Amino acid sequence: MADIGKDIERPLGQAVRPPRAARGFSAGAVAATLLVLAVIGVSSAIALREKPFRKPQEAAVSTPKATAVVESAAAPTTEPAPAPKAEAVPKTSGPQIIHMPTEESGGPPGVAIVIHDPSTIGQNLRIAHIPDRALVETSETGPLPVRAADGRRPFDVYARPWSGARGARVAIVIGGLAVSQTGTQAAIAKLPAEVTLGFASQGNSIGRWMQAARQEGHEIVMQVPLEPFDYPNVNPGRNTLTVAATPDENLKNLRWALSRTTNYTGIMNYMGARFSADAAAMRPLMAELGRRGLAYVDDGSSARSLASDLALKDGVPFVAGDTSIDAVRDRGAILKKLDELEATARAKGFAVGIGSAFDLTVDTVSSWVIEAKKRGVEIVPISAVAMDPEKG
């Protein structure tokens, strides 16, 4: 009756629905739910970790280290210019790695590695301005050039490299550097690197100019004042080596000149017609050069010079100039002398010209060298044409 009563009270038009069965979860639904929850849990754990599972691989950074040691550089004692220092530890033989700080234009500083093998004897041009300590003897007046304990000579080590070819070769020495500061700067900047530069021992800031010249690739020689005829009316300057002086006095003056800087292959006379013609005066000079491993360059101004014969006896590398290219200071006259040098070189293999660091000479030589190269002439350093008794 209760059910009938409820049916009477129900609104018209609504049928009686059968009772619903109780709801439940199937096994598949439960498994899917658990899988979703597991994925969410793992994702949350990863997000909350301080570090990811996989650690990024660190980039390997290597710093060059010297695997062999190097002879350290001795700085010139006469106003040296600031120059990069090589990290060095003394060593006597074997290949050497030299770390040279560099500073590229517009970029950060870096390190250039120069490998030096003593078996090659010569000095790498990148470090040509750094004296080889093994070739330096300390003195009261400054560093003196000397043979190394292993026999290497300044003549070999500081020589500029050249091709070694047998063609026409012209060596040009431009002297008088360090006398005029502006003239010296212009000569170093304008002259091709193959041109040898002669420094006047009485000049100024020679250490600084030596470094600048060597950094530009020039081979250099030191000019030593020797007694001319009519001395002292004609006077090369202080500390001139004279015929009247004792051997010890002349050696003292010679060593003063030699100590003015480093990194040169030999000396060249400044005047000296009388001195070079006197065997007794020249013998101690040549013996000293032979002991120290230096060359003698005769400027060719005196036909009486005994330098050639004496150099041979003392094992001194020797070369004589063929002509003075600027005795007449005129562009046309200088060009004519240079052309004569070329003709001589084609005839006998090489020729040597001597000039001074006048602006006119520097400009004329600079332009002539460019054209001579086009004609197949090789411009070589003075050491390349020297007669070397030690090499036969």
Protein backbone atom coordinates (compact mmCIF):
# COMPACT_ATOMS: atom_id res chain seq x y z
CA MET A 1 0.00 0.00 0.00
CA ALA A 2 2.85 2.34 0.73
CA ASP A 3 4.16 1.93 -2.77
CA ILE A 4 0.72 2.57 -4.23
CA GLY A 5 0.40 5.74 -2.22
CA LYS A 6 3.71 6.98 -3.50
CA ASP A 7 2.72 6.26 -7.04
CA ILE A 8 -0.57 8.25 -6.60
CA GLU A 9 1.47 11.24 -5.27
CA ARG A 10 3.98 11.12 -8.17
CA PRO A 11 3.41 13.84 -10.86
CA LEU A 12 1.48 12.70 -13.93
CA GLY A 13 3.56 11.66 -16.97
CA GLN A 14 6.57 10.31 -15.07
CA ALA A 15 7.07 6.61 -15.19
CA VAL A 16 8.49 4.70 -12.39
CA ARG A 17 12.25 4.03 -12.98
CA PRO A 18 13.86 0.82 -11.99
CA PRO A 19 16.30 1.12 -9.11
CA ARG A 20 19.98 1.77 -10.10
CA ALA A 21 22.63 -0.81 -9.54
CA ALA A 22 25.46 0.13 -7.21
CA ARG A 23 28.49 1.73 -9.01
CA GLY A 24 32.00 0.16 -8.86
CA PHE A 25 35.54 0.46 -10.43
CA SER A 26 36.80 -1.98 -12.99
CA ALA A 27 40.38 -3.39 -12.78
CA GLY A 28 41.44 -1.53 -16.00
CA ALA A 29 40.33 1.82 -14.67
CA VAL A 30 42.23 1.31 -11.46
CA ALA A 31 45.41 0.39 -13.31
CA ALA A 32 45.18 3.44 -15.59
CA THR A 33 44.69 5.71 -12.61
CA LEU A 34 47.71 4.31 -10.82
CA LEU A 35 49.83 4.73 -13.96
CA VAL A 36 48.88 8.41 -14.29
CA LEU A 37 49.65 9.00 -10.63
CA ALA A 38 53.03 7.32 -11.01
CA VAL A 39 53.97 9.51 -13.99
CA ILE A 40 52.94 12.65 -12.12
CA GLY A 41 54.98 11.57 -9.11
CA VAL A 42 58.13 10.91 -11.10
CA SER A 43 57.82 14.24 -12.94
CA SER A 44 57.47 16.07 -9.65
CA ALA A 45 60.53 14.33 -8.26
CA ILE A 46 62.62 15.39 -11.27
CA ALA A 47 61.43 18.98 -11.01
CA LEU A 48 62.26 19.14 -7.33
CA ARG A 49 65.80 17.70 -7.68
CA GLU A 50 68.70 20.14 -7.19
CA LYS A 51 70.53 18.61 -10.17
CA PRO A 52 69.28 16.71 -13.23
CA PHE A 53 69.96 13.00 -13.64
CA ARG A 54 72.55 13.63 -16.36
CA LYS A 55 75.39 16.00 -15.47
CA PRO A 56 76.47 18.20 -18.41
CA GLN A 57 79.97 17.31 -19.65
CA GLU A 58 82.50 19.97 -18.69
CA ALA A 59 84.51 21.52 -21.51
CA ALA A 60 88.17 20.56 -21.29
CA VAL A 61 90.46 23.60 -21.07
CA SER A 62 94.17 23.01 -21.52
CA THR A 63 96.89 25.48 -20.70
CA PRO A 64 100.14 25.17 -22.67
CA LYS A 65 103.03 24.20 -20.48
CA ALA A 66 106.71 24.18 -21.31
CA THR A 67 107.75 20.58 -21.82
CA ALA A 68 111.35 21.71 -22.15
CA VAL A 69 113.23 24.66 -20.82
CA VAL A 70 114.73 27.70 -22.49
CA GLU A 71 117.66 29.99 -22.12
CA SER A 72 116.33 33.19 -20.62
CA ALA A 73 116.86 36.57 -22.19
CA ALA A 74 119.25 39.20 -20.96
CA ALA A 75 117.88 42.69 -21.38
CA PRO A 76 120.10 45.34 -22.96
CA THR A 77 121.60 47.73 -20.47
CA THR A 78 121.17 50.83 -22.66
CA GLU A 79 117.60 52.08 -22.40
CA PRO A 80 115.85 48.93 -23.52
CA ALA A 81 112.31 49.22 -24.83
CA PRO A 82 109.59 47.23 -23.10
CA ALA A 83 109.37 43.87 -24.80
CA PRO A 84 107.46 40.64 -24.15
CA LYS A 85 109.32 38.39 -21.77
CA ALA A 86 109.71 34.71 -22.42
CA GLU A 87 108.94 32.37 -19.57
CA ALA A 88 112.23 30.63 -19.22
CA VAL A 89 114.21 28.14 -17.24
CA PRO A 90 117.89 27.65 -18.10
CA LYS A 91 118.78 24.68 -20.23
CA THR A 92 121.90 23.78 -22.14
CA SER A 93 120.68 21.73 -25.10
CA GLY A 94 117.74 20.16 -26.90
CA PRO A 95 114.58 21.65 -28.41
CA GLN A 96 113.04 24.47 -26.43
CA ILE A 97 109.50 25.85 -26.21
CA ILE A 98 109.33 29.58 -25.62
CA HIS A 99 106.04 31.14 -24.45
CA MET A 100 105.72 34.62 -25.98
CA PRO A 101 102.84 36.83 -24.73
CA THR A 102 100.96 38.38 -27.64
CA GLU A 103 98.25 40.99 -27.92
CA GLU A 104 96.29 40.81 -31.13
CA SER A 105 94.66 43.98 -32.36
CA GLY A 106 91.09 44.12 -31.08
CA GLY A 107 91.36 40.82 -29.25
CA PRO A 108 92.33 39.50 -25.83
CA PRO A 109 95.94 38.76 -24.92
CA GLY A 110 97.19 35.31 -25.82
CA VAL A 111 100.31 33.19 -25.86
CA ALA A 112 102.36 32.40 -28.93
CA ILE A 113 104.51 29.30 -28.66
CA VAL A 114 107.82 29.43 -30.52
CA ILE A 115 109.78 26.18 -30.76
CA HIS A 116 113.54 26.73 -30.81
CA ASP A 117 115.96 23.94 -31.68
CA PRO A 118 119.65 24.79 -31.11
CA SER A 119 120.56 22.49 -33.98
CA THR A 120 119.16 25.10 -36.34
CA ILE A 121 121.59 27.67 -34.80
CA GLY A 122 119.74 30.75 -36.07
CA GLN A 123 117.23 32.70 -34.04
CA ASN A 124 113.51 32.71 -34.82
CA LEU A 125 112.55 36.15 -36.15
CA ARG A 126 109.71 36.41 -33.63
CA ILE A 127 112.22 36.51 -30.77
CA ALA A 128 115.10 38.15 -32.65
CA HIS A 129 115.07 41.17 -30.32
CA ILE A 130 115.72 39.02 -27.23
CA PRO A 131 119.40 38.44 -26.45
CA ASP A 132 120.48 34.85 -26.01
CA ARG A 133 121.90 34.74 -22.49
CA ALA A 134 124.36 32.03 -23.48
CA LEU A 135 125.95 34.58 -25.84
CA VAL A 136 126.30 37.37 -23.29
CA GLU A 137 129.24 38.15 -21.03
CA THR A 138 128.59 40.66 -18.26
CA SER A 139 130.98 43.60 -18.03
CA GLU A 140 131.22 46.93 -16.22
CA THR A 141 130.12 48.82 -19.33
CA GLY A 142 127.36 46.45 -20.43
CA PRO A 143 126.70 43.08 -22.08
CA LEU A 144 129.53 41.78 -24.26
CA PRO A 145 128.94 39.25 -27.06
CA VAL A 146 130.70 35.92 -26.62
CA ARG A 147 130.68 32.38 -27.97
CA ALA A 148 128.33 30.05 -26.12
CA ALA A 149 129.67 27.07 -24.21
CA ASP A 150 128.31 24.81 -26.95
CA GLY A 151 130.29 26.72 -29.61
CA ARG A 152 127.48 28.83 -31.07
CA ARG A 153 128.54 32.29 -32.24
CA PRO A 154 126.63 35.57 -32.30
CA PHE A 155 127.49 35.61 -36.02
CA ASP A 156 125.37 32.46 -36.50
CA VAL A 157 122.60 32.98 -33.98
CA TYR A 158 121.74 36.59 -34.84
CA ALA A 159 122.03 36.17 -38.62
CA ARG A 160 118.88 36.84 -40.62
CA PRO A 161 117.68 33.76 -42.58
CA TRP A 162 117.81 33.81 -46.37
CA SER A 163 116.99 31.38 -49.19
CA GLY A 164 120.47 29.91 -49.71
CA ALA A 165 119.95 30.11 -53.47
CA ARG A 166 122.86 30.59 -55.90
CA GLY A 167 121.32 33.46 -57.90
CA ALA A 168 122.32 37.11 -57.95
CA ARG A 169 122.57 38.35 -54.35
CA VAL A 170 122.96 41.92 -53.16
CA ALA A 171 123.76 42.84 -49.56
CA ILE A 172 123.25 46.45 -48.47
CA VAL A 173 124.42 47.92 -45.17
CA ILE A 174 122.99 51.26 -44.10
CA GLY A 175 125.09 52.72 -41.25
CA GLY A 176 124.87 55.65 -38.90
CA LEU A 177 121.77 54.54 -37.03
CA ALA A 178 121.18 55.84 -33.47
CA VAL A 179 122.82 59.19 -34.27
CA SER A 180 119.58 60.89 -35.31
CA GLN A 181 116.52 59.62 -33.50
CA THR A 182 114.03 60.61 -36.21
CA GLY A 183 116.36 59.37 -38.94
CA THR A 184 116.81 56.05 -37.16
CA GLN A 185 113.09 55.58 -36.72
CA ALA A 186 112.47 56.31 -40.40
CA ALA A 187 115.23 53.97 -41.57
CA ILE A 188 113.93 51.06 -39.48
CA ALA A 189 110.36 51.63 -40.64
CA LYS A 190 111.05 52.20 -44.36
CA LEU A 191 113.95 49.94 -45.28
CA PRO A 192 113.07 46.38 -46.32
CA ALA A 193 113.88 43.80 -43.67
CA GLU A 194 116.60 42.25 -45.85
CA VAL A 195 118.72 45.42 -45.58
CA THR A 196 121.37 45.23 -42.84
CA LEU A 197 121.58 48.15 -40.40
CA GLY A 198 124.78 49.52 -38.85
CA PHE A 199 124.57 51.21 -35.44
CA ALA A 200 127.04 53.91 -34.49
CA SER A 201 128.52 52.96 -31.13
CA GLN A 202 128.41 56.61 -30.06
CA GLY A 203 124.70 56.91 -30.76
CA ASN A 204 121.85 57.20 -28.28
CA SER A 205 119.25 54.68 -27.09
CA ILE A 206 120.98 51.92 -29.03
CA GLY A 207 119.37 49.15 -26.98
CA ARG A 208 115.89 50.43 -27.80
CA TRP A 209 116.67 50.88 -31.50
CA MET A 210 118.29 47.45 -31.66
CA GLN A 211 115.08 45.87 -30.43
CA ALA A 212 112.99 47.84 -32.93
CA ALA A 213 115.29 46.88 -35.82
CA ARG A 214 115.36 43.20 -34.89
CA GLN A 215 111.59 43.10 -34.45
CA GLU A 216 111.30 44.40 -38.01
CA GLY A 217 113.56 41.56 -39.18
CA HIS A 218 116.82 43.44 -39.85
CA GLU A 219 120.23 41.96 -39.24
CA ILE A 220 122.51 44.49 -37.53
CA VAL A 221 126.21 45.26 -37.10
CA MET A 222 128.04 47.57 -34.70
CA GLN A 223 130.19 50.39 -36.13
CA VAL A 224 133.49 50.84 -34.30
CA PRO A 225 135.55 54.06 -34.71
CA LEU A 226 139.08 53.39 -36.02
CA GLU A 227 141.85 55.90 -36.59
CA PRO A 228 141.85 57.57 -40.03
CA PHE A 229 144.75 59.39 -41.66
CA ASP A 230 145.23 62.96 -40.37
CA TYR A 231 143.90 62.01 -36.95
CA PRO A 232 142.93 63.89 -34.74
CA ASN A 233 142.07 66.63 -37.24
CA VAL A 234 139.77 64.03 -38.74
CA ASN A 235 138.23 62.48 -35.66
CA PRO A 236 135.70 59.61 -35.61
CA GLY A 237 134.79 60.49 -32.01
CA ARG A 238 135.46 59.30 -28.47
CA ASN A 239 136.96 55.89 -27.74
CA THR A 240 138.56 55.68 -31.16
CA LEU A 241 141.01 52.81 -31.57
CA THR A 242 144.39 54.27 -32.57
CA VAL A 243 147.76 53.04 -33.80
CA ALA A 244 149.61 54.80 -30.95
CA ALA A 245 147.52 53.22 -28.19
CA THR A 246 148.57 50.01 -26.43
CA PRO A 247 146.72 46.78 -27.24
CA ASP A 248 145.07 46.90 -23.80
CA GLU A 249 143.86 50.47 -24.38
CA ASN A 250 142.45 49.55 -27.78
CA LEU A 251 140.75 46.44 -26.41
CA LYS A 252 139.19 48.53 -23.67
CA ASN A 253 137.77 50.94 -26.27
CA LEU A 254 136.67 48.04 -28.47
CA ARG A 255 134.83 46.37 -25.60
CA TRP A 256 133.12 49.63 -24.74
CA ALA A 257 131.76 49.78 -28.29
CA LEU A 258 130.77 46.11 -28.24
CA SER A 259 128.86 46.56 -24.97
CA ARG A 260 126.55 49.26 -26.34
CA THR A 261 123.90 46.68 -27.24
CA THR A 262 123.48 43.02 -28.22
CA ASN A 263 122.05 40.81 -31.00
CA TYR A 264 124.45 41.86 -33.77
CA THR A 265 126.48 39.57 -36.03
CA GLY A 266 129.72 41.57 -36.23
CA ILE A 267 131.37 44.98 -36.40
CA MET A 268 132.00 47.39 -39.26
CA ASN A 269 134.74 50.00 -39.30
CA TYR A 270 133.85 53.66 -39.05
CA MET A 271 136.70 55.42 -40.90
CA GLY A 272 139.98 53.70 -39.95
CA ALA A 273 142.13 53.91 -43.10
CA ARG A 274 145.31 54.26 -41.03
CA PHE A 275 144.36 51.75 -38.32
CA SER A 276 143.28 48.99 -40.73
CA ALA A 277 146.58 49.32 -42.62
CA ASP A 278 148.66 48.66 -39.47
CA ALA A 279 149.04 44.94 -38.76
CA ALA A 280 150.26 45.42 -35.19
CA ALA A 281 147.18 47.48 -34.33
CA MET A 282 144.71 45.21 -36.15
CA ARG A 283 145.90 41.84 -34.78
CA PRO A 284 144.52 42.26 -31.22
CA LEU A 285 141.21 43.48 -32.64
CA MET A 286 140.84 40.47 -34.93
CA ALA A 287 141.86 38.05 -32.19
CA GLU A 288 139.16 39.50 -29.95
CA LEU A 289 136.52 39.16 -32.67
CA GLY A 290 137.55 35.57 -33.33
CA ARG A 291 137.32 34.73 -29.64
CA ARG A 292 133.86 36.26 -29.39
CA GLY A 293 132.45 34.79 -32.60
CA LEU A 294 131.89 38.08 -34.44
CA ALA A 295 132.37 39.04 -38.08
CA TYR A 296 134.34 41.96 -39.50
CA VAL A 297 132.72 44.05 -42.24
CA ASP A 298 135.17 46.28 -44.11
CA ASP A 299 133.34 49.19 -45.70
CA GLY A 300 135.77 49.06 -48.62
CA SER A 301 136.84 52.69 -48.29
CA SER A 302 140.57 51.89 -47.94
CA ALA A 303 142.57 49.89 -50.45
CA ARG A 304 145.35 49.49 -47.83
CA SER A 305 143.22 47.53 -45.37
CA LEU A 306 144.80 44.30 -44.07
CA ALA A 307 141.53 43.11 -42.56
CA SER A 308 140.93 40.31 -45.04
CA ASP A 309 144.21 38.46 -44.38
CA LEU A 310 144.12 38.96 -40.62
CA ALA A 311 140.50 37.82 -40.37
CA LEU A 312 141.34 34.55 -42.10
CA LYS A 313 144.13 33.80 -39.61
CA ASP A 314 141.89 34.37 -36.57
CA GLY A 315 138.85 32.54 -37.89
CA VAL A 316 136.81 35.74 -38.25
CA PRO A 317 133.99 35.81 -40.83
CA PHE A 318 134.87 38.61 -43.27
CA VAL A 319 133.15 40.62 -45.99
CA ALA A 320 134.21 43.78 -47.81
CA GLY A 321 132.01 46.40 -49.42
CA ASP A 322 132.18 46.76 -53.22
CA THR A 323 131.10 50.38 -53.32
CA SER A 324 129.70 53.32 -51.35
CA ILE A 325 126.25 53.86 -52.78
CA ASP A 326 125.74 57.45 -51.57
CA ALA A 327 129.15 59.13 -51.79
CA VAL A 328 127.27 61.52 -54.07
CA ARG A 329 123.99 62.45 -52.39
CA ASP A 330 121.80 62.52 -55.46
CA ARG A 331 118.96 60.12 -56.25
CA GLY A 332 120.17 59.49 -59.78
CA ALA A 333 123.73 58.85 -58.59
CA ILE A 334 122.53 56.45 -55.87
CA LEU A 335 120.36 54.54 -58.33
CA LYS A 336 123.34 54.22 -60.68
CA LYS A 337 125.47 52.72 -57.89
CA LEU A 338 122.71 50.30 -56.99
CA ASP A 339 122.39 49.21 -60.62
CA GLU A 340 126.15 48.64 -60.65
CA LEU A 341 125.76 46.40 -57.61
CA GLU A 342 123.16 44.36 -59.45
CA ALA A 343 125.46 43.97 -62.45
CA THR A 344 128.31 42.85 -60.18
CA ALA A 345 126.05 40.37 -58.42
CA ARG A 346 124.97 38.85 -61.73
CA ALA A 347 128.61 38.55 -62.77
CA LYS A 348 130.17 37.06 -59.61
CA GLY A 349 127.16 35.90 -57.60
CA PHE A 350 126.97 38.65 -54.99
CA ALA A 351 127.81 42.30 -54.32
CA VAL A 352 127.93 44.52 -51.23
CA GLY A 353 126.88 48.16 -51.03
CA ILE A 354 127.53 50.49 -48.08
CA GLY A 355 125.47 53.61 -47.38
CA SER A 356 124.40 55.99 -44.62
CA ALA A 357 121.00 56.63 -43.06
CA PHE A 358 120.29 59.84 -44.98
CA ASP A 359 116.63 60.32 -45.83
CA LEU A 360 117.48 60.36 -49.53
CA THR A 361 119.46 57.13 -49.30
CA VAL A 362 116.76 55.35 -47.30
CA ASP A 363 113.99 56.34 -49.73
CA THR A 364 116.05 55.47 -52.82
CA VAL A 365 117.20 52.10 -51.51
CA SER A 366 113.65 51.21 -50.39
CA SER A 367 112.17 51.78 -53.85
CA TRP A 368 115.12 50.14 -55.67
CA VAL A 369 114.88 46.95 -53.62
CA ILE A 370 111.25 46.47 -54.64
CA GLU A 371 112.12 46.67 -58.32
CA ALA A 372 115.28 44.57 -57.98
CA LYS A 373 113.29 41.72 -56.47
CA LYS A 374 111.00 41.76 -59.48
CA ARG A 375 114.08 41.29 -61.67
CA GLY A 376 115.08 38.18 -59.72
CA VAL A 377 117.73 39.75 -57.46
CA GLU A 378 117.74 38.46 -53.90
CA ILE A 379 118.50 41.03 -51.20
CA VAL A 380 120.40 39.21 -48.47
CA PRO A 381 121.81 40.10 -45.03
CA ILE A 382 125.52 40.83 -44.79
CA SER A 383 126.20 37.51 -43.02
CA ALA A 384 124.97 35.64 -46.11
CA VAL A 385 127.94 36.83 -48.23
CA ALA A 386 130.69 36.68 -45.61
CA MET A 387 133.70 34.36 -46.01
CA ASP A 388 133.67 32.16 -42.94
CA PRO A 389 136.95 30.38 -42.13
CA GLU A 390 135.15 28.03 -39.76
CA LYS A 391 132.90 26.74 -42.52
CA GLY A 392 135.57 26.46 -45.18
